Amino acid sequence: MRDGRPVVLVTGASGFIGRHLVPVLEGNGWAVRQALRTPPGSTSDVLINPIGPTTEWQAALAGVDSIVHLAARVHHPHEEHSVELYRRANIEGTLHLARCAMNEGVRQFIFVSTILVNGRSTDGRGAFNESDTLTPRGIYGKSKAAAESGLETMVQDGNMHVTVIRPPLVYGAGAKGNFRLLARAVQLGIPLPFGSIQNRRAFVAVENLSSFIVHRLARLTVPFDVFIVADAEQVSTSEFVRRLSIAAGVRTRLFPLPVPLLRPLLKMSGRAEMHDSIIGSLELDVSKAAATGWRPVVTLDEGLRLAAAGVVGDS
C-alpha cells in the first residue's frame, strides 16, 4: 500500500497501451509504479531494461499488490532470425517476473497476451473462445502461448492469481503498426481496394482494454483464468475503414477490387498476417468477459473518433 492505496506495477508503461492505462488506474484509486526503459520521471517509478530471464525485480516489487505485464517483444525486422529474442523477453522474461512476484507475495498478475495464440483467422469455423485448443501463429503468438502455459503451471504452487487477457488488434491514439498505417492512409485520402471484402473482424479500443484490466484488478477469483476482450461490434474490413473515415472527418475512399485479385497481391507482400488481417475473418466470443459484469466503455465509433484525433495530433 502507498498512501492508503494498493500499489500496481505496470511493465511497458511508456508504450501505447501503458500510456492509456496508467491514468485510468490512478483514477480508480491505484498507486501506480511504472517499469520504464527510459529514466523515471517520478521517484515511485523504476528503470528496467531489458526484461529477460535475469532482470533484477526485487526493488521494483517491494510493497506491490498487483502487476499488469504489458512489456513484450512485438515486432522485429527479421523475425525468422529472432526466435531467441522473443524467447528471452516474452517467455523467460514473463515467467521470471512472475516467479519474483510470487516470492515477494504479490497477489495478482495480469498478463496481456494476444488473440494470435488462438489463431489468425476464424474462416471456416466458429468464433474463437477461451476453451479452444491453441493454434498460435507466428513467433510472437507462439511466444505468448508458451508464456501462458508456463504461468498456468506456475500458479499451481503458489498463492498468486493470474489473469490472461487476449485482445485482438488494439487501436487508439498513439497506436503503431497496422492501425497507424491504415489511419494515415485514410487521413491522406489514399484510395484503398477493400470495398469488396465482406469478412467479420473483432477489434478493441485501448479505452475498453484498459477498463477491463481495471475491472479485473478488483477481482481475485480462481488461480488462473483467461479472457478474450473486444469491442461490442465486430465488422468487416471495409466497414471498419468506412467508420474510421467518418471518425476522421474525411471522405471514404474505398474501391471494390475483387477479393480473388486482392488475395494474391497481399500474399506477394510476403506477410501472411497482412493477408489474413485484411481479408480473413476474426470473430471472437466475448461472453465470458461480459459474464463478469464488464461492458465496453466506448463504442466502436467513439473509439475510432478518439483514435483519429490522436493521429491528427501526431501527424
Protein backbone atom coordinates (compact mmCIF):
# COMPACT_ATOMS: atom_id res chain seq x y z
CA MET A 1 0.00 0.00 0.00
CA ARG A 2 1.07 3.59 -0.62
CA ASP A 3 -0.83 6.48 0.95
CA GLY A 4 -3.59 4.02 1.74
CA ARG A 5 -3.86 2.90 -1.89
CA PRO A 6 -2.98 -0.53 -3.33
CA VAL A 7 0.16 -0.49 -5.49
CA VAL A 8 0.23 -1.86 -9.03
CA LEU A 9 3.42 -2.31 -11.04
CA VAL A 10 2.90 -1.71 -14.77
CA THR A 11 5.58 -3.01 -17.15
CA GLY A 12 5.70 -1.42 -20.57
CA ALA A 13 4.12 1.67 -19.03
CA SER A 14 5.65 4.01 -21.61
CA GLY A 15 4.20 2.03 -24.52
CA PHE A 16 0.94 2.64 -26.37
CA ILE A 17 -1.33 0.65 -24.04
CA GLY A 18 0.58 1.68 -20.92
CA ARG A 19 0.21 5.41 -21.62
CA HIS A 20 -3.56 4.96 -21.74
CA LEU A 21 -3.79 2.51 -18.84
CA VAL A 22 -1.77 4.37 -16.19
CA PRO A 23 -4.13 7.37 -15.80
CA VAL A 24 -7.14 5.03 -15.73
CA LEU A 25 -5.56 3.05 -12.91
CA GLU A 26 -4.76 6.22 -10.99
CA GLY A 27 -8.31 7.45 -11.49
CA ASN A 28 -9.58 4.21 -9.96
CA GLY A 29 -7.60 4.51 -6.75
CA TRP A 30 -4.40 2.64 -7.61
CA ALA A 31 -0.92 3.88 -6.78
CA VAL A 32 0.97 3.13 -10.00
CA ARG A 33 4.65 2.19 -10.16
CA GLN A 34 5.84 2.28 -13.75
CA ALA A 35 8.59 -0.01 -15.00
CA LEU A 36 10.26 2.04 -17.73
CA ARG A 37 13.04 1.67 -20.29
CA THR A 38 13.86 5.36 -20.00
CA PRO A 39 14.88 7.28 -16.86
CA PRO A 40 11.87 7.50 -14.50
CA GLY A 41 10.04 10.80 -14.19
CA SER A 42 8.85 10.01 -10.67
CA THR A 43 10.61 8.68 -7.59
CA SER A 44 7.99 5.91 -7.40
CA ASP A 45 8.90 4.57 -10.86
CA VAL A 46 11.75 2.19 -11.73
CA LEU A 47 14.18 1.76 -14.61
CA ILE A 48 14.04 -1.78 -16.02
CA ASN A 49 15.95 -2.60 -19.20
CA PRO A 50 15.90 -5.14 -20.67
CA ILE A 51 13.24 -7.58 -19.48
CA GLY A 52 14.59 -11.11 -19.57
CA PRO A 53 15.43 -14.17 -17.50
CA THR A 54 17.93 -12.33 -15.28
CA THR A 55 16.20 -8.98 -14.73
CA GLU A 56 16.53 -7.72 -11.14
CA TRP A 57 12.98 -7.14 -9.88
CA GLN A 58 13.30 -7.15 -6.10
CA ALA A 59 13.35 -3.36 -5.57
CA ALA A 60 10.59 -2.78 -8.12
CA LEU A 61 8.33 -5.33 -6.40
CA ALA A 62 8.68 -4.02 -2.85
CA GLY A 63 5.20 -3.30 -1.49
CA VAL A 64 3.45 -4.20 -4.77
CA ASP A 65 -0.03 -5.74 -4.57
CA SER A 66 -0.63 -6.42 -8.28
CA ILE A 67 1.20 -6.44 -11.62
CA VAL A 68 0.00 -5.62 -15.12
CA HIS A 69 2.55 -7.06 -17.52
CA LEU A 70 2.37 -5.26 -20.86
CA ALA A 71 6.04 -5.25 -21.89
CA ALA A 72 6.84 -7.65 -24.73
CA ARG A 73 8.84 -8.13 -27.87
CA VAL A 74 6.22 -7.47 -30.56
CA HIS A 75 7.94 -6.67 -33.87
CA HIS A 76 11.38 -7.44 -35.26
CA PRO A 77 12.51 -6.71 -38.82
CA HIS A 78 13.98 -10.20 -39.27
CA GLU A 79 11.62 -12.43 -37.31
CA GLU A 80 12.96 -15.66 -38.77
CA HIS A 81 16.31 -14.88 -37.12
CA SER A 82 14.92 -13.56 -33.84
CA VAL A 83 13.44 -16.60 -32.08
CA GLU A 84 15.90 -16.16 -29.22
CA LEU A 85 14.86 -12.50 -28.69
CA TYR A 86 11.19 -13.48 -28.41
CA ARG A 87 12.02 -16.41 -26.12
CA ARG A 88 14.09 -14.31 -23.71
CA ALA A 89 11.64 -11.39 -23.50
CA ASN A 90 8.19 -12.91 -23.92
CA ILE A 91 8.63 -16.34 -22.35
CA GLU A 92 11.58 -16.34 -19.97
CA GLY A 93 11.18 -12.68 -19.05
CA THR A 94 7.49 -13.10 -18.24
CA LEU A 95 7.99 -16.26 -16.18
CA HIS A 96 10.97 -14.81 -14.31
CA LEU A 97 8.91 -11.73 -13.36
CA ALA A 98 6.04 -13.96 -12.21
CA ARG A 99 8.37 -16.09 -10.05
CA CYS A 100 9.88 -12.99 -8.46
CA ALA A 101 6.37 -11.64 -7.85
CA MET A 102 5.29 -14.84 -6.12
CA ASN A 103 8.39 -14.73 -3.94
CA GLU A 104 7.56 -11.15 -2.92
CA GLY A 105 3.95 -12.01 -2.06
CA VAL A 106 2.27 -10.20 -4.97
CA ARG A 107 -1.39 -11.21 -5.02
CA GLN A 108 -2.35 -10.72 -8.65
CA PHE A 109 -0.62 -10.88 -12.04
CA ILE A 110 -2.37 -9.71 -15.20
CA PHE A 111 -0.70 -10.85 -18.41
CA VAL A 112 -1.77 -9.14 -21.63
CA SER A 113 -1.35 -11.82 -24.29
CA THR A 114 -2.80 -11.83 -27.82
CA ILE A 115 -5.64 -13.49 -29.72
CA LEU A 116 -2.93 -14.85 -32.04
CA VAL A 117 -2.48 -17.69 -29.55
CA ASN A 118 -5.89 -18.94 -30.75
CA GLY A 119 -5.00 -18.43 -34.41
CA ARG A 120 -5.04 -15.83 -37.14
CA SER A 121 -8.42 -16.41 -38.75
CA THR A 122 -11.83 -17.90 -37.98
CA ASP A 123 -12.66 -18.59 -41.62
CA GLY A 124 -14.45 -21.95 -41.84
CA ARG A 125 -15.08 -22.23 -38.08
CA GLY A 126 -16.91 -20.56 -35.22
CA ALA A 127 -15.71 -17.65 -33.12
CA PHE A 128 -12.59 -18.11 -31.02
CA ASN A 129 -13.21 -18.63 -27.31
CA GLU A 130 -11.14 -19.21 -24.20
CA SER A 131 -11.54 -23.01 -24.24
CA ASP A 132 -10.18 -23.53 -27.77
CA THR A 133 -7.18 -25.74 -28.36
CA LEU A 134 -4.47 -23.20 -29.09
CA THR A 135 -3.02 -22.96 -32.60
CA PRO A 136 -0.68 -19.97 -32.24
CA ARG A 137 0.60 -18.24 -35.36
CA GLY A 138 3.93 -16.52 -35.85
CA ILE A 139 6.87 -16.18 -33.47
CA TYR A 140 5.04 -13.58 -31.40
CA GLY A 141 1.87 -15.68 -30.99
CA LYS A 142 3.87 -18.81 -30.16
CA SER A 143 5.93 -16.98 -27.55
CA LYS A 144 2.79 -15.63 -25.86
CA ALA A 145 1.18 -19.08 -25.86
CA ALA A 146 4.28 -20.56 -24.21
CA ALA A 147 4.23 -17.83 -21.56
CA GLU A 148 0.55 -18.53 -20.85
CA SER A 149 1.30 -22.23 -20.41
CA GLY A 150 4.19 -21.51 -18.08
CA LEU A 151 2.10 -19.16 -15.95
CA GLU A 152 -0.70 -21.72 -15.63
CA THR A 153 1.78 -24.33 -14.39
CA MET A 154 3.50 -21.91 -12.03
CA VAL A 155 0.43 -20.73 -10.12
CA GLN A 156 -0.44 -24.27 -9.06
CA ASP A 157 2.36 -23.99 -6.49
CA GLY A 158 1.65 -20.53 -5.06
CA ASN A 159 -0.92 -18.04 -3.85
CA MET A 160 -0.74 -15.57 -6.73
CA HIS A 161 -3.75 -15.19 -9.04
CA VAL A 162 -3.02 -14.91 -12.77
CA THR A 163 -5.38 -13.43 -15.37
CA VAL A 164 -4.53 -13.75 -19.05
CA ILE A 165 -6.18 -11.27 -21.43
CA ARG A 166 -6.22 -11.99 -25.17
CA PRO A 167 -7.07 -8.89 -27.20
CA PRO A 168 -7.34 -8.61 -30.99
CA LEU A 169 -5.86 -5.54 -32.72
CA VAL A 170 -5.82 -2.69 -30.18
CA TYR A 171 -6.50 0.72 -31.69
CA GLY A 172 -6.40 4.21 -30.23
CA ALA A 173 -4.49 7.47 -30.13
CA GLY A 174 -0.79 6.70 -30.47
CA ALA A 175 -1.25 3.17 -31.82
CA LYS A 176 1.50 1.87 -34.04
CA GLY A 177 1.72 -0.99 -36.53
CA ASN A 178 -1.07 -1.82 -38.97
CA PHE A 179 -3.64 0.50 -37.41
CA ARG A 180 -1.38 3.53 -37.70
CA LEU A 181 -0.63 2.70 -41.35
CA LEU A 182 -4.35 2.37 -42.09
CA ALA A 183 -5.27 5.55 -40.22
CA ARG A 184 -2.61 7.58 -42.03
CA ALA A 185 -3.77 6.24 -45.41
CA VAL A 186 -7.33 7.27 -44.58
CA GLN A 187 -6.21 10.72 -43.40
CA LEU A 188 -4.20 11.25 -46.61
CA GLY A 189 -7.12 10.22 -48.80
CA ILE A 190 -5.32 7.24 -50.34
CA PRO A 191 -7.81 5.00 -52.21
CA LEU A 192 -7.94 1.54 -50.63
CA PRO A 193 -9.00 -1.60 -52.56
CA PHE A 194 -11.08 -3.15 -49.76
CA GLY A 195 -14.60 -2.33 -50.92
CA SER A 196 -15.48 -5.94 -51.82
CA ILE A 197 -14.36 -7.51 -48.53
CA GLN A 198 -17.27 -8.89 -46.51
CA ASN A 199 -15.47 -10.57 -43.62
CA ARG A 200 -16.17 -10.05 -39.90
CA ARG A 201 -13.43 -8.95 -37.54
CA ALA A 202 -13.08 -8.02 -33.88
CA PHE A 203 -11.10 -5.01 -32.67
CA VAL A 204 -10.67 -3.44 -29.26
CA ALA A 205 -10.33 0.23 -28.36
CA VAL A 206 -7.48 0.86 -25.94
CA GLU A 207 -10.04 2.52 -23.65
CA ASN A 208 -12.01 -0.74 -23.49
CA LEU A 209 -8.93 -2.88 -22.89
CA SER A 210 -7.82 -0.53 -20.11
CA SER A 211 -11.24 -0.64 -18.48
CA PHE A 212 -11.25 -4.45 -18.45
CA ILE A 213 -7.80 -4.54 -16.87
CA VAL A 214 -9.01 -2.23 -14.08
CA HIS A 215 -12.22 -4.26 -13.73
CA ARG A 216 -10.19 -7.45 -13.39
CA LEU A 217 -7.77 -6.00 -10.83
CA ALA A 218 -10.68 -5.62 -8.42
CA ARG A 219 -11.40 -9.36 -8.52
CA LEU A 220 -9.43 -12.27 -7.09
CA THR A 221 -11.15 -15.49 -8.11
CA VAL A 222 -9.59 -18.70 -9.43
CA PRO A 223 -5.78 -19.07 -9.50
CA PHE A 224 -5.61 -18.93 -13.33
CA ASP A 225 -8.16 -17.51 -15.74
CA VAL A 226 -8.27 -16.42 -19.39
CA PHE A 227 -10.46 -13.79 -21.04
CA ILE A 228 -10.96 -12.68 -24.63
CA VAL A 229 -11.79 -8.96 -24.73
CA ALA A 230 -13.06 -6.95 -27.70
CA ASP A 231 -15.42 -4.15 -28.67
CA ALA A 232 -19.13 -4.95 -28.78
CA GLU A 233 -19.27 -4.60 -32.59
CA GLN A 234 -17.41 -6.89 -34.98
CA VAL A 235 -17.38 -5.54 -38.52
CA SER A 236 -15.86 -6.12 -41.96
CA THR A 237 -12.59 -4.56 -43.04
CA SER A 238 -14.46 -2.30 -45.47
CA GLU A 239 -16.88 -1.19 -42.74
CA PHE A 240 -14.00 -0.53 -40.34
CA VAL A 241 -12.33 1.73 -42.94
CA ARG A 242 -15.65 3.49 -43.60
CA ARG A 243 -16.20 4.12 -39.88
CA LEU A 244 -12.60 5.31 -39.48
CA SER A 245 -13.05 7.75 -42.37
CA ILE A 246 -16.18 9.19 -40.77
CA ALA A 247 -14.38 9.47 -37.42
CA ALA A 248 -11.53 11.33 -39.11
CA GLY A 249 -13.91 13.64 -40.96
CA VAL A 250 -12.61 12.69 -44.39
CA ARG A 251 -14.18 11.20 -47.49
CA THR A 252 -14.24 7.40 -47.60
CA ARG A 253 -12.04 6.27 -50.48
CA LEU A 254 -12.75 2.58 -50.97
CA PHE A 255 -12.92 0.84 -54.31
CA PRO A 256 -14.07 -2.76 -54.86
CA LEU A 257 -11.11 -4.74 -56.12
CA PRO A 258 -12.41 -8.34 -56.32
CA VAL A 259 -11.08 -10.49 -53.50
CA PRO A 260 -9.67 -13.13 -55.92
CA LEU A 261 -7.43 -10.37 -57.32
CA LEU A 262 -6.63 -8.78 -53.97
CA ARG A 263 -5.65 -12.06 -52.34
CA PRO A 264 -2.54 -12.80 -54.49
CA LEU A 265 -1.43 -9.16 -54.26
CA LEU A 266 -1.39 -9.34 -50.48
CA LYS A 267 0.33 -12.71 -50.48
CA MET A 268 3.03 -11.29 -52.73
CA SER A 269 3.88 -8.88 -49.91
CA GLY A 270 5.39 -11.87 -48.09
CA ARG A 271 3.43 -11.16 -44.90
CA ALA A 272 0.78 -13.80 -44.25
CA GLU A 273 -0.58 -11.83 -41.28
CA MET A 274 -1.38 -8.87 -43.55
CA HIS A 275 -3.35 -11.12 -45.89
CA ASP A 276 -5.29 -12.70 -43.03
CA SER A 277 -5.91 -9.44 -41.15
CA ILE A 278 -7.40 -7.71 -44.19
CA ILE A 279 -9.34 -10.46 -45.98
CA GLY A 280 -9.88 -13.11 -43.30
CA SER A 281 -12.47 -13.11 -40.53
CA LEU A 282 -11.58 -12.92 -36.84
CA GLU A 283 -14.75 -13.45 -34.83
CA LEU A 284 -14.43 -13.59 -31.05
CA ASP A 285 -16.78 -14.88 -28.38
CA VAL A 286 -16.62 -12.28 -25.58
CA SER A 287 -19.42 -13.76 -23.47
CA LYS A 288 -17.06 -14.84 -20.68
CA ALA A 289 -15.81 -11.28 -20.14
CA ALA A 290 -19.39 -9.99 -20.28
CA ALA A 291 -20.44 -12.55 -17.65
CA THR A 292 -18.12 -10.83 -15.14
CA GLY A 293 -20.28 -7.71 -15.36
CA TRP A 294 -17.84 -5.77 -17.54
CA ARG A 295 -19.08 -3.75 -20.50
CA PRO A 296 -17.07 -1.74 -23.06
CA VAL A 297 -16.80 1.92 -22.02
CA VAL A 298 -16.71 3.22 -25.61
CA THR A 299 -18.44 2.11 -28.79
CA LEU A 300 -16.53 1.34 -31.96
CA ASP A 301 -17.39 4.78 -33.37
CA GLU A 302 -16.36 6.56 -30.17
CA GLY A 303 -13.10 4.65 -30.01
CA LEU A 304 -12.33 5.48 -33.63
CA ARG A 305 -13.03 9.18 -33.06
CA LEU A 306 -10.56 9.21 -30.17
CA ALA A 307 -8.03 7.31 -32.26
CA ALA A 308 -8.43 9.57 -35.30
CA ALA A 309 -7.96 12.68 -33.15
CA GLY A 310 -4.69 11.18 -31.91
CA VAL A 311 -3.48 10.52 -35.47
CA VAL A 312 -4.18 14.13 -36.42
CA GLY A 313 -2.36 15.36 -33.34
CA ASP A 314 0.60 13.10 -34.05
CA SER A 315 0.95 13.94 -37.73
